[in-house]
Protein backbone atom coordinates (compact mmCIF):
# COMPACT_ATOMS: atom_id res chain seq x y z
CA MET A 1 127.30 83.46 72.49
CA HIS A 2 125.64 86.24 70.56
CA ASP A 3 125.45 86.17 66.78
CA ILE A 4 127.84 89.07 66.15
CA ASP A 5 129.14 90.18 62.78
CA PRO A 6 132.92 89.61 63.00
CA SER A 7 133.48 92.71 60.86
CA PRO A 8 131.15 95.43 62.21
CA ALA A 9 130.83 98.75 60.44
CA PRO A 10 133.49 101.27 61.49
CA SER A 11 132.59 103.99 63.97
CA PRO A 12 133.35 107.72 63.70
CA ALA A 13 136.42 109.12 65.39
CA GLY A 14 135.74 110.15 68.98
CA THR A 15 133.09 107.48 69.44
CA LEU A 16 132.60 106.40 73.05
CA LEU A 17 129.83 103.85 72.56
CA THR A 18 128.93 101.73 69.54
CA ALA A 19 125.87 99.52 69.10
CA ARG A 20 125.52 97.25 66.09
CA ASP A 21 122.46 95.23 65.04
CA VAL A 22 121.01 95.14 68.57
CA HIS A 23 117.88 93.01 68.94
CA LYS A 24 115.74 92.48 72.04
CA THR A 25 112.55 90.43 72.30
CA TYR A 26 110.49 90.05 75.46
CA ARG A 27 108.70 86.73 75.90
CA THR A 28 105.77 86.02 78.23
CA GLY A 29 104.40 82.54 77.69
CA ASP A 30 103.55 82.28 74.01
CA VAL A 31 103.58 86.05 73.51
CA GLU A 32 106.63 87.71 71.97
CA VAL A 33 107.20 91.44 71.72
CA ALA A 34 110.11 92.65 69.57
CA ALA A 35 111.29 95.69 71.55
CA LEU A 36 114.46 96.42 69.53
CA ARG A 37 114.77 95.46 65.88
CA GLY A 38 118.34 95.85 64.71
CA VAL A 39 119.52 99.11 66.29
CA ASP A 40 122.77 100.70 65.10
CA LEU A 41 124.06 103.68 67.08
CA ASP A 42 127.25 105.62 67.72
CA VAL A 43 127.57 107.95 70.73
CA LEU A 44 130.38 110.47 70.67
CA GLY A 45 132.34 111.30 73.81
CA GLY A 46 131.14 114.54 75.40
CA SER A 47 127.82 114.58 73.55
CA PHE A 48 124.34 115.20 74.98
CA ASN A 49 121.98 112.72 73.36
CA VAL A 50 118.22 112.88 73.87
CA VAL A 51 116.11 109.79 73.10
CA MET A 52 112.44 110.36 72.30
CA GLY A 53 109.53 108.39 70.89
CA PRO A 54 105.98 107.20 71.63
CA SER A 55 105.39 105.23 74.82
CA GLY A 56 106.05 101.53 74.38
CA ASN A 57 108.26 101.95 71.32
CA GLY A 58 111.56 100.91 72.91
CA LYS A 59 113.19 103.98 74.50
CA THR A 60 113.81 102.51 77.94
CA THR A 61 114.64 99.12 76.44
CA LEU A 62 117.29 100.82 74.31
CA LEU A 63 118.85 102.45 77.37
CA ASN A 64 118.71 99.20 79.36
CA CYS A 65 120.31 97.18 76.56
CA LEU A 66 123.03 99.72 75.81
CA SER A 67 123.95 99.91 79.49
CA GLY A 68 123.80 96.15 80.09
CA LEU A 69 120.89 96.32 82.53
CA ASP A 70 119.05 94.01 80.12
CA GLU A 71 120.45 91.16 78.06
CA ILE A 72 120.26 91.39 74.27
CA ASP A 73 119.28 88.61 71.90
CA ARG A 74 121.68 89.54 69.15
CA GLY A 75 124.19 92.26 68.34
CA GLU A 76 127.11 94.04 69.96
CA VAL A 77 127.52 96.99 72.32
CA MET A 78 131.00 98.42 72.94
CA LEU A 79 131.74 101.10 75.55
CA ALA A 80 135.22 102.63 75.47
CA GLY A 81 136.61 99.37 74.08
CA ASN A 82 134.68 97.18 76.51
CA ASP A 83 132.25 94.58 75.16
CA VAL A 84 129.21 95.22 77.37
CA HIS A 85 127.45 91.92 76.66
CA GLY A 86 130.46 89.68 76.02
CA ARG A 87 131.00 89.05 79.74
CA ASN A 88 129.25 87.34 82.63
CA ASP A 89 126.74 89.05 84.94
CA ARG A 90 129.31 89.84 87.62
CA ALA A 91 131.75 91.42 85.17
CA ARG A 92 128.95 93.40 83.52
CA THR A 93 127.80 94.67 86.91
CA ARG A 94 131.34 95.81 87.67
CA LEU A 95 131.58 97.55 84.29
CA ARG A 96 128.40 99.49 85.09
CA ALA A 97 129.66 100.37 88.57
CA GLU A 98 132.99 101.66 87.29
CA ARG A 99 132.13 103.18 83.90
CA MET A 100 128.46 104.26 83.99
CA GLY A 101 126.19 106.51 86.01
CA PHE A 102 122.39 106.25 86.23
CA VAL A 103 119.66 108.80 86.96
CA PHE A 104 116.04 107.65 87.07
CA GLN A 105 112.65 109.35 87.31
CA SER A 106 112.02 107.91 90.79
CA PHE A 107 115.38 109.11 92.27
CA ASN A 108 116.09 105.62 93.77
CA LEU A 109 117.75 107.01 96.89
CA LEU A 110 118.01 104.73 99.92
CA PRO A 111 115.84 106.28 102.65
CA VAL A 112 117.89 104.87 105.55
CA LEU A 113 121.09 106.56 104.31
CA ASP A 114 121.84 110.25 104.45
CA VAL A 115 122.63 112.30 101.36
CA ALA A 116 126.40 111.82 101.52
CA GLU A 117 126.03 108.09 102.06
CA ASN A 118 123.73 107.82 99.04
CA ALA A 119 126.11 109.81 96.87
CA GLU A 120 129.19 107.78 97.78
CA LEU A 121 127.58 104.36 97.39
CA PRO A 122 128.64 103.59 93.77
CA LEU A 123 132.24 104.49 94.55
CA LEU A 124 132.29 102.18 97.55
CA ALA A 125 130.81 99.43 95.37
CA ALA A 126 133.60 100.01 92.86
CA GLY A 127 136.23 99.39 95.57
CA ALA A 128 137.22 102.88 96.73
CA SER A 129 138.19 103.42 100.35
CA PRO A 130 135.58 105.03 102.62
CA LYS A 131 137.76 108.14 102.94
CA GLN A 132 138.14 108.52 99.17
CA ALA A 133 134.45 107.86 98.57
CA ARG A 134 133.32 110.41 101.17
CA ALA A 135 135.66 113.12 99.87
CA ARG A 136 134.47 112.58 96.29
CA ALA A 137 130.82 112.51 97.35
CA LEU A 138 131.14 115.79 99.27
CA ASP A 139 132.89 117.35 96.28
CA LEU A 140 130.01 116.35 93.99
CA LEU A 141 127.39 117.49 96.49
CA THR A 142 129.10 120.88 96.56
CA ARG A 143 129.00 120.91 92.77
CA VAL A 144 125.23 120.31 92.71
CA GLY A 145 124.61 122.86 95.49
CA LEU A 146 123.81 120.46 98.32
CA ALA A 147 126.90 120.50 100.54
CA ASP A 148 124.80 121.86 103.41
CA ARG A 149 122.36 118.92 103.11
CA ALA A 150 124.94 116.13 103.28
CA ARG A 151 123.73 114.80 106.64
CA HIS A 152 120.02 114.94 105.80
CA ARG A 153 117.92 111.93 104.81
CA PRO A 154 116.19 111.90 101.40
CA ALA A 155 112.75 112.39 103.00
CA GLU A 156 113.93 115.78 104.29
CA LEU A 157 114.67 117.02 100.76
CA SER A 158 112.45 118.35 98.00
CA GLY A 159 112.03 116.39 94.78
CA GLY A 160 114.47 118.62 92.96
CA GLU A 161 117.04 118.25 95.72
CA GLN A 162 116.65 114.47 95.67
CA GLN A 163 117.25 114.43 91.93
CA ARG A 164 120.38 116.55 92.37
CA VAL A 165 121.62 113.97 94.88
CA ALA A 166 120.92 111.28 92.27
CA ILE A 167 122.96 113.24 89.72
CA ALA A 168 125.85 113.58 92.19
CA ARG A 169 125.65 109.83 92.80
CA ALA A 170 125.72 109.19 89.04
CA LEU A 171 128.85 111.32 88.66
CA VAL A 172 130.76 110.06 91.70
CA THR A 173 132.72 107.37 89.82
CA ASP A 174 133.65 109.81 87.01
CA PRO A 175 131.76 107.59 84.53
CA ASP A 176 132.22 107.36 80.79
CA VAL A 177 128.49 107.93 80.29
CA VAL A 178 125.49 108.97 82.36
CA TRP A 179 122.19 107.29 81.45
CA ALA A 180 119.13 109.33 82.46
CA ASP A 181 115.61 107.87 82.12
CA GLU A 182 112.96 110.62 82.35
CA PRO A 183 114.98 112.41 85.07
CA THR A 184 112.54 115.34 85.22
CA GLY A 185 109.36 113.26 85.01
CA ASN A 186 108.47 113.62 88.70
CA LEU A 187 109.30 117.33 88.95
CA ASP A 188 107.31 120.50 88.40
CA SER A 189 108.30 122.58 85.39
CA ALA A 190 110.43 125.11 87.28
CA THR A 191 112.33 122.43 89.19
CA ALA A 192 112.71 120.39 85.99
CA GLN A 193 114.42 123.35 84.34
CA GLN A 194 116.83 123.67 87.29
CA VAL A 195 117.74 119.99 87.04
CA LEU A 196 118.09 120.30 83.29
CA GLU A 197 120.46 123.23 83.71
CA LEU A 198 122.58 121.04 85.96
CA PHE A 199 122.73 118.41 83.22
CA ARG A 200 123.81 121.13 80.77
CA GLU A 201 126.60 122.21 83.12
CA VAL A 202 127.75 118.64 83.58
CA ASN A 203 127.76 118.11 79.82
CA ALA A 204 129.62 121.38 79.21
CA ALA A 205 132.35 120.02 81.51
CA GLY A 206 132.75 117.05 79.16
CA GLN A 207 130.33 114.43 80.53
CA THR A 208 128.62 112.21 77.95
CA ILE A 209 124.85 111.99 78.56
CA VAL A 210 122.14 109.81 77.06
CA MET A 211 118.73 111.00 78.29
CA ILE A 212 115.24 109.66 77.67
CA THR A 213 112.41 112.19 77.73
CA HIS A 214 108.89 112.59 76.37
CA ASP A 215 109.03 116.37 76.79
CA PRO A 216 110.03 118.37 73.67
CA THR A 217 111.13 121.27 75.89
CA ILE A 218 113.55 119.02 77.75
CA ALA A 219 114.70 117.50 74.46
CA ARG A 220 115.94 120.88 73.27
CA ALA A 221 118.69 120.73 75.89
CA GLY A 222 120.58 118.10 73.92
CA ASP A 223 122.75 118.49 70.86
CA ARG A 224 121.41 115.31 69.26
CA ARG A 225 117.86 113.95 69.02
CA ILE A 226 117.25 110.22 68.55
CA VAL A 227 113.67 109.09 67.93
CA VAL A 228 112.77 105.44 68.53
CA THR A 229 109.71 104.08 66.72
CA ASP A 230 108.63 100.44 66.75
CA GLY A 231 111.98 99.30 68.09
CA ARG A 232 114.04 101.09 65.46
CA ILE A 233 115.76 104.46 65.28
CA SER A 234 113.53 106.43 62.93
CA THR A 235 115.22 109.82 63.34
CA ASP A 236 118.79 110.68 64.34
CA GLU A 237 119.72 114.33 63.97
CA ILE A 238 122.09 116.93 65.32
CA VAL A 239 119.96 119.77 66.68
CA GLY A 240 122.48 122.13 68.23
CA GLY A 241 121.01 122.20 71.75
CA ARG A 242 121.46 124.96 74.32
């Protein structure tokens, strides 16, 4: 069991995700690296949160620990009333499949599947029928402007198109939160702006987003900027965005 304060600090109204006193240390042999050092964070529903900070200071670790991709050493993470780390691996995997979407720098599309099959995959994993999953996937592909590419393989798409498929896949389960780790990192500046505009549209429709970026231009898209330094949140400010 984790060492969790039985009386955590209250969270603001409208909070979707709460993290309290989150610690994470990586160990390799006798070497220990404290990646997170007591992080407290509240994420409001419908917000667009941008996480920044120097390389190696804990940005991706923060995302991985908040989403349950990585274990934590101590602390508590609650998502919409669900204790992310107070459950076994199988239950945590199901929570991610049902309540979270993920967009990564490398797209992570399966090359042997076509675009529609890639987009519907999380919904099938969450237990939806093939008919329901396909209808939802095609709806999302229409939303991201790729309905006419549904039967194409990822290799037949541009980088920007592949990332739009990844965004459709992230949205297919109607998640509570979308985690995006450097989603424009592999794109040229013009394509990055197109993908960023799609994130803005998704957020304007009510989707909560937590995005990691090293690019100050990309960071301006959010309405909140969180800076991670040496495993701690050094800056947390509302910036207005858009």
